[in-house]
């Protein structure tokens, strides 16, 4: 899924809103919905760009570790299946 806005842009939008720009005007100006704004605010509210980059790196590492765990569990299940068969 391709994101339309980068995390840096989203944080910039949130800072504009914090500076006093009305949410509806901000959404109209940049072309996103109110729902997107509030979803981003819940995820990125109060963050700086460096925090967002760190969050993205941690999410990527977490996904990599989840894939590794799934592979190990699958290998383990296959080995148990082989051992449990009667020869």
N, C-alpha and C. Protein backbone atom coordinates (compact mmCIF):
# COMPACT_ATOMS: atom_id res chain seq x y z
N UNK A 1 0.84 -1.18 0.00
CA UNK A 1 0.00 0.00 0.00
C UNK A 1 0.89 1.25 0.00
N UNK A 2 0.66 2.11 -0.99
CA UNK A 2 1.46 3.32 -1.10
C UNK A 2 0.79 4.44 -0.31
N UNK A 3 1.61 5.08 0.51
CA UNK A 3 1.09 6.20 1.29
C UNK A 3 1.18 7.47 0.46
N UNK A 4 0.19 8.30 0.59
CA UNK A 4 0.15 9.53 -0.17
C UNK A 4 1.04 10.61 0.45
N UNK A 5 1.15 10.59 1.76
CA UNK A 5 1.95 11.57 2.48
C UNK A 5 3.01 10.87 3.31
N UNK A 6 4.18 11.48 3.41
CA UNK A 6 5.24 10.91 4.24
C UNK A 6 4.95 11.25 5.71
N UNK A 7 5.62 10.54 6.59
CA UNK A 7 5.46 10.81 8.02
C UNK A 7 5.88 12.25 8.34
N UNK A 8 6.91 12.73 7.65
CA UNK A 8 7.38 14.09 7.88
C UNK A 8 6.32 15.11 7.49
N UNK A 9 5.65 14.87 6.34
CA UNK A 9 4.58 15.77 5.91
C UNK A 9 3.43 15.75 6.91
N UNK A 10 3.07 14.57 7.38
CA UNK A 10 1.96 14.44 8.33
C UNK A 10 2.26 15.21 9.60
N UNK A 11 3.48 15.08 10.10
CA UNK A 11 3.86 15.82 11.31
C UNK A 11 3.80 17.32 11.04
N UNK A 12 4.18 17.73 9.84
CA UNK A 12 4.05 19.14 9.47
C UNK A 12 2.60 19.61 9.49
N UNK A 13 1.70 18.78 8.98
CA UNK A 13 0.27 19.13 9.00
C UNK A 13 -0.21 19.29 10.44
N UNK A 14 0.19 18.35 11.30
CA UNK A 14 -0.24 18.42 12.70
C UNK A 14 0.30 19.67 13.38
N UNK A 15 1.51 20.07 13.04
CA UNK A 15 2.08 21.29 13.62
C UNK A 15 1.33 22.52 13.14
N UNK A 16 0.88 22.51 11.88
CA UNK A 16 0.07 23.61 11.37
C UNK A 16 -1.22 23.74 12.17
N UNK A 17 -1.85 22.60 12.45
CA UNK A 17 -3.09 22.61 13.23
C UNK A 17 -2.82 23.10 14.65
N UNK A 18 -1.70 22.67 15.23
CA UNK A 18 -1.35 23.12 16.58
C UNK A 18 -1.07 24.62 16.62
N UNK A 19 -0.61 25.17 15.49
CA UNK A 19 -0.32 26.60 15.41
C UNK A 19 -1.59 27.44 15.30
N UNK A 20 -2.72 26.78 15.11
CA UNK A 20 -3.98 27.52 15.12
C UNK A 20 -4.81 27.44 13.85
N UNK A 21 -4.32 26.74 12.83
CA UNK A 21 -5.11 26.61 11.61
C UNK A 21 -6.28 25.66 11.87
N UNK A 22 -7.49 26.07 11.48
CA UNK A 22 -8.65 25.18 11.66
C UNK A 22 -8.48 23.87 10.89
N UNK A 23 -8.92 22.79 11.49
CA UNK A 23 -8.73 21.46 10.91
C UNK A 23 -9.38 21.36 9.53
N UNK A 24 -10.59 21.86 9.39
CA UNK A 24 -11.28 21.76 8.09
C UNK A 24 -10.52 22.51 7.00
N UNK A 25 -9.98 23.67 7.34
CA UNK A 25 -9.21 24.45 6.37
C UNK A 25 -7.91 23.72 6.01
N UNK A 26 -7.26 23.16 7.01
CA UNK A 26 -6.03 22.40 6.79
C UNK A 26 -6.29 21.21 5.87
N UNK A 27 -7.37 20.49 6.12
CA UNK A 27 -7.71 19.32 5.31
C UNK A 27 -7.99 19.73 3.87
N UNK A 28 -8.73 20.79 3.68
CA UNK A 28 -9.06 21.27 2.35
C UNK A 28 -7.80 21.73 1.61
N UNK A 29 -6.93 22.43 2.31
CA UNK A 29 -5.71 22.97 1.72
C UNK A 29 -4.77 21.87 1.19
N UNK A 30 -4.63 20.79 1.97
CA UNK A 30 -3.69 19.73 1.61
C UNK A 30 -4.35 18.51 0.97
N UNK A 31 -5.67 18.45 0.96
CA UNK A 31 -6.37 17.39 0.26
C UNK A 31 -6.47 16.07 0.99
N UNK A 32 -6.79 16.10 2.27
CA UNK A 32 -7.06 14.87 3.01
C UNK A 32 -8.30 15.06 3.87
N UNK A 33 -8.84 13.97 4.40
CA UNK A 33 -10.09 14.03 5.14
C UNK A 33 -9.87 14.33 6.62
N UNK A 34 -10.95 14.74 7.27
CA UNK A 34 -10.91 14.96 8.72
C UNK A 34 -10.54 13.66 9.44
N UNK A 35 -11.09 12.54 8.94
CA UNK A 35 -10.81 11.25 9.57
C UNK A 35 -9.32 10.94 9.52
N UNK A 36 -8.68 11.23 8.39
CA UNK A 36 -7.23 11.01 8.28
C UNK A 36 -6.49 11.86 9.29
N UNK A 37 -6.91 13.12 9.41
CA UNK A 37 -6.25 14.02 10.35
C UNK A 37 -6.31 13.46 11.76
N UNK A 38 -7.47 13.02 12.21
CA UNK A 38 -7.62 12.53 13.58
C UNK A 38 -6.89 11.20 13.79
N UNK A 39 -6.83 10.37 12.73
CA UNK A 39 -6.08 9.13 12.82
C UNK A 39 -4.58 9.43 12.96
N UNK A 40 -4.10 10.39 12.17
CA UNK A 40 -2.70 10.79 12.25
C UNK A 40 -2.39 11.42 13.60
N UNK A 41 -3.33 12.21 14.09
CA UNK A 41 -3.11 12.88 15.38
C UNK A 41 -2.96 11.84 16.49
N UNK A 42 -3.76 10.77 16.41
CA UNK A 42 -3.67 9.71 17.41
C UNK A 42 -2.32 8.99 17.32
N UNK A 43 -1.81 8.85 16.10
CA UNK A 43 -0.55 8.11 15.92
C UNK A 43 0.68 9.00 16.12
N UNK A 44 0.66 10.21 15.57
CA UNK A 44 1.84 11.06 15.54
C UNK A 44 1.76 12.28 16.44
N UNK A 45 0.67 12.47 17.17
CA UNK A 45 0.50 13.66 17.99
C UNK A 45 1.64 13.86 18.97
N UNK A 46 2.26 15.03 18.95
CA UNK A 46 3.34 15.36 19.86
C UNK A 46 4.71 14.84 19.44
N UNK A 47 4.80 14.22 18.28
CA UNK A 47 6.08 13.67 17.82
C UNK A 47 6.85 14.70 17.00
N UNK A 48 8.14 14.53 17.01
CA UNK A 48 9.02 15.27 16.10
C UNK A 48 9.36 14.32 14.95
N UNK A 49 9.95 14.86 13.91
CA UNK A 49 10.30 14.05 12.74
C UNK A 49 11.25 12.92 13.13
N UNK A 50 12.21 13.20 14.00
CA UNK A 50 13.16 12.16 14.41
C UNK A 50 12.45 11.02 15.15
N UNK A 51 11.43 11.38 15.94
CA UNK A 51 10.65 10.36 16.64
C UNK A 51 9.91 9.47 15.64
N UNK A 52 9.36 10.08 14.59
CA UNK A 52 8.62 9.33 13.59
C UNK A 52 9.55 8.38 12.83
N UNK A 53 10.77 8.84 12.54
CA UNK A 53 11.73 7.97 11.85
C UNK A 53 12.09 6.79 12.74
N UNK A 54 12.27 7.03 14.03
CA UNK A 54 12.59 5.96 14.98
C UNK A 54 11.42 4.98 15.07
N UNK A 55 10.19 5.50 15.12
CA UNK A 55 9.01 4.65 15.16
C UNK A 55 8.94 3.76 13.93
N UNK A 56 9.20 4.34 12.76
CA UNK A 56 9.15 3.56 11.52
C UNK A 56 10.21 2.46 11.54
N UNK A 57 11.42 2.79 12.01
CA UNK A 57 12.48 1.78 12.09
C UNK A 57 12.09 0.66 13.04
N UNK A 58 11.50 1.01 14.17
CA UNK A 58 11.07 -0.02 15.13
C UNK A 58 9.96 -0.89 14.57
N UNK A 59 9.02 -0.28 13.83
CA UNK A 59 7.94 -1.06 13.22
C UNK A 59 8.50 -2.03 12.19
N UNK A 60 9.48 -1.58 11.39
CA UNK A 60 10.10 -2.47 10.39
C UNK A 60 10.83 -3.62 11.07
N UNK A 61 11.55 -3.32 12.15
CA UNK A 61 12.26 -4.38 12.88
C UNK A 61 11.26 -5.36 13.49
N UNK A 62 10.16 -4.85 14.03
CA UNK A 62 9.14 -5.71 14.62
C UNK A 62 8.55 -6.64 13.57
N UNK A 63 8.26 -6.11 12.38
CA UNK A 63 7.72 -6.95 11.31
C UNK A 63 8.72 -8.03 10.89
N UNK A 64 10.00 -7.67 10.83
CA UNK A 64 11.04 -8.64 10.47
C UNK A 64 11.11 -9.75 11.51
N UNK A 65 11.06 -9.37 12.78
CA UNK A 65 11.12 -10.36 13.86
C UNK A 65 9.88 -11.26 13.86
N UNK A 66 8.73 -10.70 13.55
CA UNK A 66 7.50 -11.51 13.48
C UNK A 66 7.61 -12.54 12.36
N UNK A 67 8.18 -12.13 11.20
CA UNK A 67 8.36 -13.08 10.10
C UNK A 67 9.34 -14.19 10.49
N UNK A 68 10.43 -13.83 11.17
CA UNK A 68 11.39 -14.83 11.62
C UNK A 68 10.74 -15.82 12.59
N UNK A 69 9.95 -15.31 13.52
CA UNK A 69 9.26 -16.18 14.47
C UNK A 69 8.30 -17.12 13.76
N UNK A 70 7.56 -16.59 12.78
CA UNK A 70 6.62 -17.43 12.04
C UNK A 70 7.36 -18.53 11.29
N UNK A 71 8.51 -18.20 10.70
CA UNK A 71 9.30 -19.22 10.00
C UNK A 71 9.78 -20.30 10.96
N UNK A 72 10.26 -19.91 12.13
CA UNK A 72 10.74 -20.89 13.11
C UNK A 72 9.59 -21.77 13.60
N UNK A 73 8.44 -21.18 13.85
CA UNK A 73 7.29 -21.97 14.30
C UNK A 73 6.85 -22.96 13.23
N UNK A 74 6.89 -22.52 11.97
CA UNK A 74 6.52 -23.41 10.88
C UNK A 74 7.51 -24.57 10.76
N UNK A 75 8.81 -24.27 10.85
CA UNK A 75 9.83 -25.32 10.82
C UNK A 75 9.64 -26.29 11.98
N UNK A 76 9.35 -25.76 13.16
CA UNK A 76 9.14 -26.58 14.35
C UNK A 76 7.94 -27.52 14.15
N UNK A 77 6.86 -26.99 13.60
CA UNK A 77 5.67 -27.81 13.37
C UNK A 77 5.96 -28.91 12.36
N UNK A 78 6.74 -28.58 11.33
CA UNK A 78 7.09 -29.59 10.32
C UNK A 78 7.95 -30.69 10.93
N UNK A 79 8.91 -30.31 11.77
CA UNK A 79 9.77 -31.30 12.42
C UNK A 79 8.96 -32.20 13.36
N UNK A 80 8.03 -31.61 14.09
CA UNK A 80 7.18 -32.42 14.99
C UNK A 80 6.34 -33.40 14.17
N UNK A 81 5.87 -32.97 13.02
CA UNK A 81 5.07 -33.84 12.17
C UNK A 81 5.91 -35.02 11.66
N UNK A 82 7.15 -34.75 11.27
CA UNK A 82 8.03 -35.81 10.79
C UNK A 82 8.36 -36.79 11.90
N UNK A 83 8.66 -36.29 13.09
CA UNK A 83 9.03 -37.15 14.21
C UNK A 83 7.84 -37.98 14.68
N UNK A 84 6.62 -37.45 14.61
CA UNK A 84 5.46 -38.17 15.13
C UNK A 84 4.99 -39.30 14.20
N UNK A 85 5.45 -39.31 12.96
CA UNK A 85 5.03 -40.38 12.05
C UNK A 85 5.68 -41.70 12.45
N UNK A 86 4.93 -42.75 12.26
CA UNK A 86 5.45 -44.09 12.58
C UNK A 86 6.09 -44.65 11.31
N UNK A 87 7.27 -45.21 11.47
CA UNK A 87 8.01 -45.74 10.32
C UNK A 87 7.79 -47.19 10.22
